[in-house]
């Protein structure tokens, strides 16, 4: 047996391992989620859309700009070419 003591961090789910309790909340279904999940998702989507609607890794962007880029890709009908699986 190991003499290492088990900590709270050892038993946390990986997605919450380094989160502070203040950074977590319950969603509508009662699941524990990160409060910053929307920001993280928007950043991920923005990263997938570089080159559309002026989005780039080197410039700032707005949520509206990302939404417009998604609309552009969907209207083109070529979303498979721009969004990785």
Protein backbone atom coordinates (compact mmCIF):
# COMPACT_ATOMS: atom_id res chain seq x y z
CA UNK A 1 0.00 0.00 0.00
CA UNK A 2 1.05 3.53 -0.72
CA UNK A 3 1.65 5.92 2.11
CA UNK A 4 0.43 8.80 0.00
CA UNK A 5 -2.69 10.36 1.51
CA UNK A 6 -5.82 10.64 -0.64
CA UNK A 7 -6.93 14.22 -1.24
CA UNK A 8 -10.19 15.73 -2.48
CA UNK A 9 -8.45 16.42 -5.80
CA UNK A 10 -7.79 12.68 -6.23
CA UNK A 11 -11.50 11.79 -6.16
CA UNK A 12 -12.82 14.63 -8.32
CA UNK A 13 -14.00 14.07 -11.88
CA UNK A 14 -11.30 15.14 -14.37
CA UNK A 15 -13.33 18.10 -15.67
CA UNK A 16 -13.58 19.50 -12.13
CA UNK A 17 -10.18 18.45 -10.81
CA UNK A 18 -8.68 21.96 -10.58
CA UNK A 19 -11.92 23.94 -10.29
CA UNK A 20 -12.86 25.97 -7.25
CA UNK A 21 -16.38 25.37 -5.93
CA UNK A 22 -17.13 29.03 -6.68
CA UNK A 23 -16.54 28.25 -10.38
CA UNK A 24 -19.22 25.53 -10.50
CA UNK A 25 -23.00 25.58 -10.63
CA UNK A 26 -25.97 23.32 -11.34
CA UNK A 27 -27.45 23.44 -14.82
CA UNK A 28 -31.14 23.04 -15.67
CA UNK A 29 -30.93 19.25 -15.46
CA UNK A 30 -29.29 19.31 -12.03
CA UNK A 31 -25.81 18.36 -13.28
CA UNK A 32 -22.75 20.12 -11.87
CA UNK A 33 -21.14 22.23 -14.61
CA UNK A 34 -18.45 24.89 -14.95
CA UNK A 35 -19.77 28.46 -14.96
CA UNK A 36 -17.40 29.31 -17.81
CA UNK A 37 -18.71 26.54 -20.09
CA UNK A 38 -20.32 29.02 -22.49
CA UNK A 39 -17.14 31.05 -22.85
CA UNK A 40 -15.06 27.89 -23.38
CA UNK A 41 -17.53 26.67 -26.01
CA UNK A 42 -17.54 30.01 -27.83
CA UNK A 43 -13.73 30.05 -27.91
CA UNK A 44 -13.72 26.50 -29.32
CA UNK A 45 -16.22 27.42 -32.05
CA UNK A 46 -14.27 30.59 -32.87
CA UNK A 47 -11.15 28.48 -33.30
CA UNK A 48 -12.94 26.25 -35.80
CA UNK A 49 -14.02 29.24 -37.89
CA UNK A 50 -10.73 31.01 -38.58
CA UNK A 51 -10.94 32.71 -41.94
CA UNK A 52 -14.72 33.14 -41.88
CA UNK A 53 -16.22 36.60 -41.23
CA UNK A 54 -12.82 38.04 -40.33
CA UNK A 55 -12.10 35.59 -37.52
CA UNK A 56 -8.45 34.87 -36.90
CA UNK A 57 -6.21 33.60 -34.14
CA UNK A 58 -4.40 36.94 -34.04
CA UNK A 59 -7.31 39.34 -33.62
CA UNK A 60 -10.02 39.89 -31.07
CA UNK A 61 -13.59 38.87 -31.81
CA UNK A 62 -17.13 39.27 -30.53
CA UNK A 63 -19.78 36.65 -29.86
CA UNK A 64 -21.93 38.24 -32.57
CA UNK A 65 -19.07 37.87 -35.05
CA UNK A 66 -18.83 34.15 -34.23
CA UNK A 67 -22.59 33.69 -34.59
CA UNK A 68 -22.49 35.46 -37.96
CA UNK A 69 -19.60 33.22 -39.07
CA UNK A 70 -21.63 30.12 -38.18
CA UNK A 71 -24.57 31.51 -40.17
CA UNK A 72 -22.30 32.16 -43.17
CA UNK A 73 -20.97 28.60 -43.11
CA UNK A 74 -24.45 27.12 -42.74
CA UNK A 75 -25.84 29.23 -45.59
CA UNK A 76 -22.99 28.11 -47.85
CA UNK A 77 -23.96 24.53 -47.18
CA UNK A 78 -20.33 23.53 -46.80
CA UNK A 79 -20.11 23.27 -43.03
CA UNK A 80 -18.27 19.94 -43.31
CA UNK A 81 -15.34 21.72 -44.99
CA UNK A 82 -14.88 24.23 -42.16
CA UNK A 83 -15.79 22.36 -39.00
CA UNK A 84 -13.53 19.53 -37.85
CA UNK A 85 -15.22 16.44 -36.52
